[in-house]
Amino acid sequence: MEKTFEAVLVEQCAPTLAGVKPASLFRYQGADGQLVLTSAAYWARELAPFGIAVRVLKRCSKTGACLIYLYRAGWLRQILAEPSNRTFLEQMGYRMGHGCGGLLEQLRGRLCLERGFPHEIGVFLGYPLEDVVGFIEHQGRDYTCCGYWKAYGDPETARRVFEVYRRCTERCKERFRQGAQITQLVAA
């Protein structure tokens, strides 16, 4: 049985909904490709009053599968304004000065190039820059710890964050199964 868009959103984005993670990314392919776009637009409207944005970053024309990005706009702006993140993104070829929306459009364009996955997306997901750079430099190998991402710094710090995300996800999924609305899972 196919999971609903809402069930996958809760399962994959609970830490962002709950306010403990700045952004989440998930793939969704429903039986009806247009329904995925309609669902994403609906949740973009519903979550906007909470400062949460929903964007379709990529859509496969063959299967209708979409890559959905859910993020806390204010928090993402702070992350993208950090000098170390700005410098890194500039080195990766991003044109700064176009604001958060412009950077997301550049990321969206890179996802559609089909030349390889833009691993700098980790910055847009709130991963520590040290881990994003480490993943790129080590080509995903030689990490110190693996969970929600591959960590290249202190494994204990990463494990603590992974545990917070795991517990948050389990709580949100359980509340959703018990009938809570997605907007009731959102921390202001």
C-alpha atoms as a PDB file:
ATOM      1  CA  MET A   1       0.000   0.000   0.000  1.00  0.00           C
ATOM      2  CA  GLU A   2       1.318   3.392  -1.002  1.00  0.00           C
ATOM      3  CA  LYS A   3       2.072   5.833   1.801  1.00  0.00           C
ATOM      4  CA  THR A   4       0.316   9.160   1.590  1.00  0.00           C
ATOM      5  CA  PHE A   5       2.230  12.336   0.891  1.00  0.00           C
ATOM      6  CA  GLU A   6       1.412  13.469   4.436  1.00  0.00           C
ATOM      7  CA  ALA A   7       2.713  10.259   6.031  1.00  0.00           C
ATOM      8  CA  VAL A   8       6.022  10.541   4.173  1.00  0.00           C
ATOM      9  CA  LEU A   9       6.259  14.244   4.999  1.00  0.00           C
ATOM     10  CA  VAL A  10       5.919  13.472   8.721  1.00  0.00           C
ATOM     11  CA  GLU A  11       8.294  10.511   8.544  1.00  0.00           C
ATOM     12  CA  GLN A  12      11.001  12.423   6.672  1.00  0.00           C
ATOM     13  CA  CYS A  13      10.542  15.967   7.989  1.00  0.00           C
ATOM     14  CA  ALA A  14       9.545  15.585  11.649  1.00  0.00           C
ATOM     15  CA  PRO A  15      12.676  17.300  13.048  1.00  0.00           C
ATOM     16  CA  THR A  16      12.075  20.296  10.772  1.00  0.00           C
ATOM     17  CA  LEU A  17       8.388  20.450  11.626  1.00  0.00           C
ATOM     18  CA  ALA A  18       9.249  20.269  15.336  1.00  0.00           C
ATOM     19  CA  GLY A  19      11.839  23.043  15.070  1.00  0.00           C
ATOM     20  CA  VAL A  20      14.989  21.061  15.855  1.00  0.00           C
ATOM     21  CA  LYS A  21      16.353  20.920  12.279  1.00  0.00           C
ATOM     22  CA  PRO A  22      16.348  23.727   9.720  1.00  0.00           C
ATOM     23  CA  ALA A  23      15.441  21.697   6.641  1.00  0.00           C
ATOM     24  CA  SER A  24      14.567  18.272   5.291  1.00  0.00           C
ATOM     25  CA  LEU A  25      14.479  16.671   1.875  1.00  0.00           C
ATOM     26  CA  PHE A  26      12.443  13.721   0.666  1.00  0.00           C
ATOM     27  CA  ARG A  27      11.469  11.933  -2.515  1.00  0.00           C
ATOM     28  CA  TYR A  28       7.849  11.177  -3.172  1.00  0.00           C
ATOM     29  CA  GLN A  29       6.250   9.350  -6.047  1.00  0.00           C
ATOM     30  CA  GLY A  30       2.520   8.958  -5.938  1.00  0.00           C
ATOM     31  CA  ALA A  31       0.282   7.114  -8.360  1.00  0.00           C
ATOM     32  CA  ASP A  32      -0.626  10.495  -9.855  1.00  0.00           C
ATOM     33  CA  GLY A  33       2.320  12.813 -10.551  1.00  0.00           C
ATOM     34  CA  GLN A  34       0.097  15.891 -10.575  1.00  0.00           C
ATOM     35  CA  LEU A  35      -1.226  15.002  -7.131  1.00  0.00           C
ATOM     36  CA  VAL A  36       2.319  15.241  -5.738  1.00  0.00           C
ATOM     37  CA  LEU A  37       2.597  18.812  -7.016  1.00  0.00           C
ATOM     38  CA  THR A  38      -0.860  19.635  -5.676  1.00  0.00           C
ATOM     39  CA  SER A  39       0.017  18.187  -2.260  1.00  0.00           C
ATOM     40  CA  ALA A  40       3.304  20.116  -2.118  1.00  0.00           C
ATOM     41  CA  ALA A  41       1.494  23.358  -3.001  1.00  0.00           C
ATOM     42  CA  TYR A  42      -1.200  22.679  -0.403  1.00  0.00           C
ATOM     43  CA  TRP A  43       1.346  22.101   2.371  1.00  0.00           C
ATOM     44  CA  ALA A  44       3.343  25.137   1.282  1.00  0.00           C
ATOM     45  CA  ARG A  45       0.216  27.230   1.949  1.00  0.00           C
ATOM     46  CA  GLU A  46      -0.662  25.457   5.199  1.00  0.00           C
ATOM     47  CA  LEU A  47       2.822  25.663   6.685  1.00  0.00           C
ATOM     48  CA  ALA A  48       3.717  29.195   5.527  1.00  0.00           C
ATOM     49  CA  PRO A  49       2.115  30.848   8.595  1.00  0.00           C
ATOM     50  CA  PHE A  50       4.566  28.837  10.725  1.00  0.00           C
ATOM     51  CA  GLY A  51       7.596  30.086   8.781  1.00  0.00           C
ATOM     52  CA  ILE A  52       7.982  26.763   6.995  1.00  0.00           C
ATOM     53  CA  ALA A  53       8.328  26.654   3.226  1.00  0.00           C
ATOM     54  CA  VAL A  54       7.826  23.692   0.893  1.00  0.00           C
ATOM     55  CA  ARG A  55       9.413  23.572  -2.569  1.00  0.00           C
ATOM     56  CA  VAL A  56       9.620  20.981  -5.280  1.00  0.00           C
ATOM     57  CA  LEU A  57      13.302  21.028  -6.185  1.00  0.00           C
ATOM     58  CA  LYS A  58      13.140  18.423  -8.906  1.00  0.00           C
ATOM     59  CA  ARG A  59      10.500  16.437 -10.761  1.00  0.00           C
ATOM     60  CA  CYS A  60      11.182  13.430 -12.952  1.00  0.00           C
ATOM     61  CA  SER A  61       9.300  13.802 -16.212  1.00  0.00           C
ATOM     62  CA  LYS A  62       9.227  10.020 -16.712  1.00  0.00           C
ATOM     63  CA  THR A  63       7.981   8.836 -13.317  1.00  0.00           C
ATOM     64  CA  GLY A  64       6.474  11.966 -11.783  1.00  0.00           C
ATOM     65  CA  ALA A  65       8.619  11.447  -8.676  1.00  0.00           C
ATOM     66  CA  CYS A  66       9.496  14.675  -6.913  1.00  0.00           C
ATOM     67  CA  LEU A  67      12.278  15.787  -4.611  1.00  0.00           C
ATOM     68  CA  ILE A  68      10.539  17.894  -1.951  1.00  0.00           C
ATOM     69  CA  TYR A  69      12.420  20.386   0.233  1.00  0.00           C
ATOM     70  CA  LEU A  70      10.789  21.554   3.455  1.00  0.00           C
ATOM     71  CA  TYR A  71      12.608  24.285   5.362  1.00  0.00           C
ATOM     72  CA  ARG A  72      12.326  26.918   8.056  1.00  0.00           C
ATOM     73  CA  ALA A  73      12.927  30.043   5.989  1.00  0.00           C
ATOM     74  CA  GLY A  74      14.322  32.273   8.749  1.00  0.00           C
ATOM     75  CA  TRP A  75      16.700  29.614   9.983  1.00  0.00           C
ATOM     76  CA  LEU A  76      17.879  28.839   6.437  1.00  0.00           C
ATOM     77  CA  ARG A  77      18.557  32.542   5.812  1.00  0.00           C
ATOM     78  CA  GLN A  78      20.771  32.570   8.922  1.00  0.00           C
ATOM     79  CA  ILE A  79      22.667  29.485   7.768  1.00  0.00           C
ATOM     80  CA  LEU A  80      23.209  30.890   4.281  1.00  0.00           C
ATOM     81  CA  ALA A  81      24.363  34.232   5.749  1.00  0.00           C
ATOM     82  CA  GLU A  82      27.129  32.633   7.818  1.00  0.00           C
ATOM     83  CA  PRO A  83      30.463  33.776   6.332  1.00  0.00           C
ATOM     84  CA  SER A  84      31.960  30.261   6.254  1.00  0.00           C
ATOM     85  CA  ASN A  85      28.918  28.872   4.428  1.00  0.00           C
ATOM     86  CA  ARG A  86      28.875  31.816   2.007  1.00  0.00           C
ATOM     87  CA  THR A  87      32.567  31.341   1.209  1.00  0.00           C
ATOM     88  CA  PHE A  88      32.064  27.608   0.685  1.00  0.00           C
ATOM     89  CA  LEU A  89      29.073  28.099  -1.611  1.00  0.00           C
ATOM     90  CA  GLU A  90      30.969  30.730  -3.611  1.00  0.00           C
ATOM     91  CA  GLN A  91      33.832  28.246  -4.016  1.00  0.00           C
ATOM     92  CA  MET A  92      31.282  25.704  -5.246  1.00  0.00           C
ATOM     93  CA  GLY A  93      30.208  28.172  -7.946  1.00  0.00           C
ATOM     94  CA  TYR A  94      27.117  29.747  -6.378  1.00  0.00           C
ATOM     95  CA  ARG A  95      26.456  33.395  -7.172  1.00  0.00           C
ATOM     96  CA  MET A  96      25.867  35.194  -3.923  1.00  0.00           C
ATOM     97  CA  GLY A  97      23.777  38.326  -3.599  1.00  0.00           C
ATOM     98  CA  HIS A  98      20.558  36.753  -4.858  1.00  0.00           C
ATOM     99  CA  GLY A  99      19.213  35.957  -1.404  1.00  0.00           C
ATOM    100  CA  CYS A 100      17.915  32.676  -0.100  1.00  0.00           C
ATOM    101  CA  GLY A 101      15.488  32.207  -3.000  1.00  0.00           C
ATOM    102  CA  GLY A 102      18.216  32.787  -5.566  1.00  0.00           C
ATOM    103  CA  LEU A 103      20.508  30.258  -3.906  1.00  0.00           C
ATOM    104  CA  LEU A 104      17.693  27.696  -3.818  1.00  0.00           C
ATOM    105  CA  GLU A 105      17.066  28.271  -7.525  1.00  0.00           C
ATOM    106  CA  GLN A 106      20.765  27.671  -8.214  1.00  0.00           C
ATOM    107  CA  LEU A 107      20.597  24.462  -6.155  1.00  0.00           C
ATOM    108  CA  ARG A 108      17.465  23.403  -8.038  1.00  0.00           C
ATOM    109  CA  GLY A 109      19.279  23.976 -11.328  1.00  0.00           C
ATOM    110  CA  ARG A 110      22.219  21.866 -10.181  1.00  0.00           C
ATOM    111  CA  LEU A 111      19.878  19.015  -9.258  1.00  0.00           C
ATOM    112  CA  CYS A 112      18.525  19.044 -12.808  1.00  0.00           C
ATOM    113  CA  LEU A 113      21.903  18.945 -14.545  1.00  0.00           C
ATOM    114  CA  GLU A 114      22.123  15.155 -14.171  1.00  0.00           C
ATOM    115  CA  ARG A 115      25.931  15.415 -14.001  1.00  0.00           C
ATOM    116  CA  GLY A 116      26.178  14.299 -10.424  1.00  0.00           C
ATOM    117  CA  PHE A 117      24.551  15.067  -7.156  1.00  0.00           C
ATOM    118  CA  PRO A 118      25.335  18.505  -5.665  1.00  0.00           C
ATOM    119  CA  HIS A 119      26.607  17.394  -2.256  1.00  0.00           C
ATOM    120  CA  GLU A 120      26.747  20.990  -1.088  1.00  0.00           C
ATOM    121  CA  ILE A 121      23.044  20.471  -0.468  1.00  0.00           C
ATOM    122  CA  GLY A 122      24.147  19.485   3.030  1.00  0.00           C
ATOM    123  CA  VAL A 123      24.563  23.183   3.832  1.00  0.00           C
ATOM    124  CA  PHE A 124      20.935  23.767   2.795  1.00  0.00           C
ATOM    125  CA  LEU A 125      19.904  20.915   5.114  1.00  0.00           C
ATOM    126  CA  GLY A 126      21.731  22.393   8.098  1.00  0.00           C
ATOM    127  CA  TYR A 127      24.513  19.821   8.254  1.00  0.00           C
ATOM    128  CA  PRO A 128      27.770  21.063   9.815  1.00  0.00           C
ATOM    129  CA  LEU A 129      30.010  22.579   7.151  1.00  0.00           C
ATOM    130  CA  GLU A 130      32.894  20.402   8.357  1.00  0.00           C
ATOM    131  CA  ASP A 131      30.830  17.328   7.475  1.00  0.00           C
ATOM    132  CA  VAL A 132      29.702  18.638   4.088  1.00  0.00           C
ATOM    133  CA  VAL A 133      33.292  19.462   3.123  1.00  0.00           C
ATOM    134  CA  GLY A 134      34.513  16.142   4.548  1.00  0.00           C
ATOM    135  CA  PHE A 135      31.952  14.193   2.529  1.00  0.00           C
ATOM    136  CA  ILE A 136      32.993  15.938  -0.680  1.00  0.00           C
ATOM    137  CA  GLU A 137      36.737  15.623  -0.024  1.00  0.00           C
ATOM    138  CA  HIS A 138      36.533  11.953   1.054  1.00  0.00           C
ATOM    139  CA  GLN A 139      33.887  11.040  -1.532  1.00  0.00           C
ATOM    140  CA  GLY A 140      31.633   9.657   1.178  1.00  0.00           C
ATOM    141  CA  ARG A 141      34.305   7.416   2.696  1.00  0.00           C
ATOM    142  CA  ASP A 142      36.354   7.560   5.920  1.00  0.00           C
ATOM    143  CA  TYR A 143      33.608   9.176   8.015  1.00  0.00           C
ATOM    144  CA  THR A 144      33.726   9.132  11.817  1.00  0.00           C
ATOM    145  CA  CYS A 145      30.029   8.355  12.251  1.00  0.00           C
ATOM    146  CA  CYS A 146      26.966   7.829  10.085  1.00  0.00           C
ATOM    147  CA  GLY A 147      23.331   8.586  10.815  1.00  0.00           C
ATOM    148  CA  TYR A 148      21.203  11.311   9.257  1.00  0.00           C
ATOM    149  CA  TRP A 149      24.371  12.260   7.358  1.00  0.00           C
ATOM    150  CA  LYS A 150      27.987  11.135   7.298  1.00  0.00           C
ATOM    151  CA  ALA A 151      29.952  13.010   9.940  1.00  0.00           C
ATOM    152  CA  TYR A 152      33.637  13.816   9.633  1.00  0.00           C
ATOM    153  CA  GLY A 153      34.085  15.687  12.907  1.00  0.00           C
ATOM    154  CA  ASP A 154      33.398  14.659  16.498  1.00  0.00           C
ATOM    155  CA  PRO A 155      31.329  11.453  16.343  1.00  0.00           C
ATOM    156  CA  GLU A 156      29.799  11.930  19.804  1.00  0.00           C
ATOM    157  CA  THR A 157      28.375  15.333  18.899  1.00  0.00           C
ATOM    158  CA  ALA A 158      26.902  13.890  15.698  1.00  0.00           C
ATOM    159  CA  ARG A 159      25.425  10.894  17.541  1.00  0.00           C
ATOM    160  CA  ARG A 160      23.708  13.196  20.042  1.00  0.00           C
ATOM    161  CA  VAL A 161      22.108  15.169  17.212  1.00  0.00           C
ATOM    162  CA  PHE A 162      21.080  11.960  15.416  1.00  0.00           C
ATOM    163  CA  GLU A 163      19.420  10.751  18.622  1.00  0.00           C
ATOM    164  CA  VAL A 164      17.470  14.013  19.003  1.00  0.00           C
ATOM    165  CA  TYR A 165      16.259  13.673  15.407  1.00  0.00           C
ATOM    166  CA  ARG A 166      15.371   9.995  15.892  1.00  0.00           C
ATOM    167  CA  ARG A 167      13.342  10.619  19.048  1.00  0.00           C
ATOM    168  CA  CYS A 168      11.603  13.598  17.480  1.00  0.00           C
ATOM    169  CA  THR A 169      10.680  11.530  14.416  1.00  0.00           C
ATOM    170  CA  GLU A 170       9.290   8.690  16.516  1.00  0.00           C
ATOM    171  CA  ARG A 171       7.183  11.101  18.624  1.00  0.00           C
ATOM    172  CA  CYS A 172       5.800  12.898  15.581  1.00  0.00           C
ATOM    173  CA  LYS A 173       5.028   9.672  13.713  1.00  0.00           C
ATOM    174  CA  GLU A 174       3.195   8.308  16.754  1.00  0.00           C
ATOM    175  CA  ARG A 175       1.173  11.490  17.227  1.00  0.00           C
ATOM    176  CA  PHE A 176       0.316  11.485  13.512  1.00  0.00           C
ATOM    177  CA  ARG A 177      -0.786   7.814  13.702  1.00  0.00           C
ATOM    178  CA  GLN A 178      -3.008   8.794  16.644  1.00  0.00           C
ATOM    179  CA  GLY A 179      -4.725  11.448  14.536  1.00  0.00           C
ATOM    180  CA  ALA A 180      -2.750  14.660  15.122  1.00  0.00           C
ATOM    181  CA  GLN A 181      -2.799  17.032  12.161  1.00  0.00           C
ATOM    182  CA  ILE A 182       0.552  17.994  10.625  1.00  0.00           C
ATOM    183  CA  THR A 183       0.059  21.591  11.748  1.00  0.00           C
ATOM    184  CA  GLN A 184      -0.275  20.268  15.318  1.00  0.00           C
ATOM    185  CA  LEU A 185       3.219  18.780  15.030  1.00  0.00           C
ATOM    186  CA  VAL A 186       4.765  22.154  14.196  1.00  0.00           C
ATOM    187  CA  ALA A 187       6.733  23.960  16.869  1.00  0.00           C
ATOM    188  CA  ALA A 188       6.448  27.719  16.546  1.00  0.00           C
END
